[in-house]
Amino acid sequence: MAHSIQVPATAFSRSFGKYRDEVYKAGVIEVTSHDRVVGAYISPKELDHFNELKKRERQAIHVSEADDDLIEAIKNARWGEVSE
């Protein structure tokens, strides 16, 4: 992900055209109000990434669909370790 920037909500609403162009470089523009993030404006690339992650959250595999490599990876998994 590219470097995100923070912008006050009033500046974001007044200068939307500017931020519409900047989001491609920044990836994420965090919109703030009273020094706290209240929302974000994301680039199409970041939106695709977000949607892919959301899709994976809901992905389920029945045990009968798991191949040998997946079964072996599950058997060798250790709590708190990220697999390769």
Protein backbone atom coordinates (compact mmCIF):
# COMPACT_ATOMS: atom_id res chain seq x y z
CA MET A 1 0.00 0.00 0.00
CA ALA A 2 1.18 3.50 -0.74
CA HIS A 3 1.69 6.09 1.97
CA SER A 4 -1.68 7.35 3.29
CA ILE A 5 -2.29 11.01 4.03
CA GLN A 6 -4.66 12.69 6.47
CA VAL A 7 -6.94 15.55 5.46
CA PRO A 8 -9.51 17.45 7.54
CA ALA A 9 -13.10 16.78 6.41
CA THR A 10 -13.70 20.44 5.52
CA ALA A 11 -10.62 20.56 3.27
CA PHE A 12 -11.59 17.24 1.69
CA SER A 13 -15.11 18.40 0.86
CA ARG A 14 -13.97 21.79 -0.44
CA SER A 15 -11.16 20.37 -2.57
CA PHE A 16 -12.54 17.01 -3.65
CA GLY A 17 -11.17 17.39 -7.19
CA LYS A 18 -7.64 17.78 -5.84
CA TYR A 19 -7.92 14.70 -3.63
CA ARG A 20 -9.62 12.70 -6.39
CA ASP A 21 -6.35 13.04 -8.32
CA GLU A 22 -4.04 12.62 -5.29
CA VAL A 23 -5.61 9.34 -4.19
CA TYR A 24 -3.94 7.52 -7.10
CA LYS A 25 -0.52 8.44 -5.68
CA ALA A 26 -1.43 8.15 -1.98
CA GLY A 27 -3.55 5.00 -2.19
CA VAL A 28 -5.53 6.06 0.88
CA ILE A 29 -6.67 9.47 2.08
CA GLU A 30 -7.82 9.41 5.69
CA VAL A 31 -10.50 12.02 6.36
CA THR A 32 -10.38 13.49 9.86
CA SER A 33 -12.65 15.53 12.08
CA HIS A 34 -11.41 16.97 15.35
CA ASP A 35 -8.13 15.03 14.97
CA ARG A 36 -9.70 11.60 14.59
CA VAL A 37 -10.23 9.54 11.46
CA VAL A 38 -13.90 9.48 10.45
CA GLY A 39 -13.53 7.85 7.06
CA ALA A 40 -11.25 7.20 4.13
CA TYR A 41 -11.11 7.74 0.41
CA ILE A 42 -9.27 4.96 -1.41
CA SER A 43 -7.87 4.50 -4.89
CA PRO A 44 -9.36 1.93 -7.29
CA LYS A 45 -6.28 -0.26 -6.72
CA GLU A 46 -6.80 -0.19 -2.95
CA LEU A 47 -10.52 -0.87 -3.43
CA ASP A 48 -9.72 -3.99 -5.50
CA HIS A 49 -7.31 -5.12 -2.78
CA PHE A 50 -9.91 -4.49 -0.06
CA ASN A 51 -12.59 -6.40 -1.99
CA GLU A 52 -10.23 -9.34 -2.52
CA LEU A 53 -9.49 -9.49 1.22
CA LYS A 54 -13.21 -9.30 2.06
CA LYS A 55 -13.92 -12.12 -0.38
CA ARG A 56 -11.24 -14.27 1.25
CA GLU A 57 -12.78 -13.67 4.70
CA ARG A 58 -15.90 -15.45 3.54
CA GLN A 59 -14.18 -18.20 1.58
CA ALA A 60 -14.79 -21.63 3.02
CA ILE A 61 -13.41 -24.97 1.95
CA HIS A 62 -15.06 -28.26 2.79
CA VAL A 63 -12.60 -30.88 4.02
CA SER A 64 -13.37 -33.06 1.00
CA GLU A 65 -12.17 -30.21 -1.26
CA ALA A 66 -8.81 -29.78 0.49
CA ASP A 67 -5.80 -31.11 -1.38
CA ASP A 68 -2.85 -32.87 0.26
CA ASP A 69 -0.74 -29.70 0.39
CA LEU A 70 -3.43 -27.81 2.32
CA ILE A 71 -3.96 -30.70 4.74
CA GLU A 72 -0.20 -30.88 5.34
CA ALA A 73 0.00 -27.10 5.87
CA ILE A 74 -2.79 -27.32 8.45
CA LYS A 75 -1.07 -30.20 10.24
CA ASN A 76 2.21 -28.27 10.41
CA ALA A 77 0.67 -24.94 11.42
CA ARG A 78 1.91 -23.37 14.66
CA TRP A 79 0.01 -20.82 16.72
CA GLY A 80 1.25 -17.29 16.17
CA GLU A 81 3.46 -18.14 13.18
CA VAL A 82 2.74 -16.86 9.68
CA SER A 83 3.03 -19.57 7.06
CA GLU A 84 5.02 -19.07 3.86
